[in-house]
Amino acid sequence: MSTIDGPGRWLRAAREEADVSLTRMAQLTSFSKSYLGMVETGQWPCSPDIVLA
């Protein structure tokens, strides 16, 4: 699996479909913009906490 496949790719697509920027998503959740970006690109594993946020 490449780094752009998997749950992070799905999360990014859902965020973009909702027209929410990465900055705004970080403001709405307890996660930093850099952390969310790493999850979306597959550089960091996706946890249930991220999906539920």
N, C-alpha and C. Protein backbone atom coordinates (compact mmCIF):
# COMPACT_ATOMS: atom_id res chain seq x y z
N MET A 1 0.85 -1.19 0.00
CA MET A 1 0.00 0.00 0.00
C MET A 1 0.89 1.24 0.00
N SER A 2 0.60 2.17 -0.88
CA SER A 2 1.37 3.40 -0.93
C SER A 2 0.90 4.34 0.18
N THR A 3 1.67 5.40 0.38
CA THR A 3 1.35 6.32 1.48
C THR A 3 0.06 7.10 1.24
N ILE A 4 -0.44 7.15 -0.01
CA ILE A 4 -1.67 7.91 -0.24
C ILE A 4 -2.91 7.03 -0.22
N ASP A 5 -2.74 5.73 -0.01
CA ASP A 5 -3.88 4.83 0.10
C ASP A 5 -4.30 4.71 1.56
N GLY A 6 -5.48 4.15 1.78
CA GLY A 6 -5.89 3.85 3.14
C GLY A 6 -6.78 4.90 3.75
N PRO A 7 -6.92 4.82 5.08
CA PRO A 7 -7.87 5.69 5.79
C PRO A 7 -7.56 7.18 5.66
N GLY A 8 -6.30 7.53 5.61
CA GLY A 8 -5.94 8.94 5.47
C GLY A 8 -6.48 9.55 4.19
N ARG A 9 -6.41 8.76 3.12
CA ARG A 9 -6.94 9.22 1.83
C ARG A 9 -8.44 9.45 1.93
N TRP A 10 -9.14 8.52 2.60
CA TRP A 10 -10.58 8.64 2.78
C TRP A 10 -10.91 9.88 3.64
N LEU A 11 -10.13 10.08 4.71
CA LEU A 11 -10.37 11.24 5.58
C LEU A 11 -10.19 12.55 4.83
N ARG A 12 -9.14 12.63 4.01
CA ARG A 12 -8.91 13.85 3.23
C ARG A 12 -10.08 14.08 2.26
N ALA A 13 -10.51 13.04 1.58
CA ALA A 13 -11.61 13.18 0.63
C ALA A 13 -12.88 13.65 1.34
N ALA A 14 -13.17 13.10 2.51
CA ALA A 14 -14.35 13.50 3.26
C ALA A 14 -14.24 14.96 3.72
N ARG A 15 -13.05 15.36 4.17
CA ARG A 15 -12.85 16.74 4.61
C ARG A 15 -13.02 17.71 3.44
N GLU A 16 -12.43 17.36 2.30
CA GLU A 16 -12.55 18.23 1.13
C GLU A 16 -13.98 18.27 0.61
N GLU A 17 -14.68 17.14 0.65
CA GLU A 17 -16.09 17.10 0.22
C GLU A 17 -16.95 18.01 1.10
N ALA A 18 -16.59 18.11 2.38
CA ALA A 18 -17.31 18.98 3.31
C ALA A 18 -16.84 20.44 3.20
N ASP A 19 -15.87 20.69 2.31
CA ASP A 19 -15.31 22.03 2.10
C ASP A 19 -14.73 22.61 3.39
N VAL A 20 -13.98 21.77 4.10
CA VAL A 20 -13.32 22.19 5.33
C VAL A 20 -11.81 22.15 5.10
N SER A 21 -11.14 23.25 5.38
CA SER A 21 -9.69 23.30 5.21
C SER A 21 -9.00 22.52 6.32
N LEU A 22 -7.76 22.17 6.07
CA LEU A 22 -6.98 21.47 7.08
C LEU A 22 -6.82 22.34 8.33
N THR A 23 -6.63 23.63 8.13
CA THR A 23 -6.52 24.56 9.25
C THR A 23 -7.80 24.57 10.07
N ARG A 24 -8.93 24.62 9.40
CA ARG A 24 -10.22 24.64 10.11
C ARG A 24 -10.47 23.32 10.83
N MET A 25 -10.10 22.21 10.19
CA MET A 25 -10.27 20.90 10.84
C MET A 25 -9.44 20.84 12.12
N ALA A 26 -8.25 21.38 12.09
CA ALA A 26 -7.41 21.40 13.29
C ALA A 26 -8.07 22.24 14.38
N GLN A 27 -8.70 23.34 13.99
CA GLN A 27 -9.40 24.18 14.97
C GLN A 27 -10.61 23.47 15.56
N LEU A 28 -11.27 22.65 14.76
CA LEU A 28 -12.48 21.97 15.21
C LEU A 28 -12.19 20.73 16.04
N THR A 29 -10.97 20.24 15.97
CA THR A 29 -10.59 19.02 16.70
C THR A 29 -9.45 19.36 17.66
N SER A 30 -9.01 18.38 18.39
CA SER A 30 -7.89 18.59 19.32
C SER A 30 -6.56 18.21 18.68
N PHE A 31 -6.53 18.09 17.35
CA PHE A 31 -5.32 17.65 16.65
C PHE A 31 -4.70 18.81 15.89
N SER A 32 -3.37 18.82 15.82
CA SER A 32 -2.68 19.90 15.12
C SER A 32 -2.80 19.72 13.61
N LYS A 33 -2.65 20.81 12.90
CA LYS A 33 -2.69 20.80 11.44
C LYS A 33 -1.62 19.87 10.88
N SER A 34 -0.42 19.91 11.44
CA SER A 34 0.66 19.05 10.93
C SER A 34 0.36 17.58 11.17
N TYR A 35 -0.19 17.25 12.31
CA TYR A 35 -0.55 15.86 12.61
C TYR A 35 -1.62 15.37 11.65
N LEU A 36 -2.68 16.17 11.46
CA LEU A 36 -3.75 15.79 10.54
C LEU A 36 -3.21 15.60 9.12
N GLY A 37 -2.32 16.48 8.71
CA GLY A 37 -1.71 16.37 7.39
C GLY A 37 -0.90 15.09 7.24
N MET A 38 -0.16 14.72 8.27
CA MET A 38 0.62 13.48 8.22
C MET A 38 -0.29 12.26 8.16
N VAL A 39 -1.41 12.29 8.87
CA VAL A 39 -2.37 11.18 8.81
C VAL A 39 -2.97 11.09 7.41
N GLU A 40 -3.35 12.22 6.85
CA GLU A 40 -3.97 12.23 5.52
C GLU A 40 -3.03 11.72 4.44
N THR A 41 -1.74 11.96 4.59
CA THR A 41 -0.78 11.53 3.57
C THR A 41 -0.17 10.17 3.87
N GLY A 42 -0.60 9.55 4.97
CA GLY A 42 -0.11 8.22 5.30
C GLY A 42 1.24 8.19 5.98
N GLN A 43 1.73 9.35 6.40
CA GLN A 43 3.02 9.42 7.09
C GLN A 43 2.89 9.07 8.56
N TRP A 44 1.67 9.03 9.06
CA TRP A 44 1.40 8.68 10.45
C TRP A 44 0.16 7.80 10.45
N PRO A 45 0.12 6.76 11.27
CA PRO A 45 -1.04 5.87 11.26
C PRO A 45 -2.32 6.57 11.72
N CYS A 46 -3.41 6.13 11.16
CA CYS A 46 -4.72 6.66 11.50
C CYS A 46 -5.27 5.90 12.69
N SER A 47 -5.66 6.63 13.73
CA SER A 47 -6.23 5.99 14.93
C SER A 47 -7.75 6.21 14.95
N PRO A 48 -8.45 5.43 15.74
CA PRO A 48 -9.91 5.64 15.87
C PRO A 48 -10.25 7.06 16.34
N ASP A 49 -9.39 7.66 17.16
CA ASP A 49 -9.64 9.03 17.64
C ASP A 49 -9.73 10.01 16.47
N ILE A 50 -8.89 9.83 15.47
CA ILE A 50 -8.90 10.71 14.31
C ILE A 50 -10.21 10.54 13.53
N VAL A 51 -10.60 9.31 13.31
CA VAL A 51 -11.82 9.05 12.55
C VAL A 51 -13.04 9.62 13.26
N LEU A 52 -13.09 9.49 14.57
CA LEU A 52 -14.23 9.98 15.34
C LEU A 52 -14.27 11.50 15.45
N ALA A 53 -13.12 12.16 15.29
CA ALA A 53 -13.07 13.62 15.39
C ALA A 53 -13.75 14.22 14.19
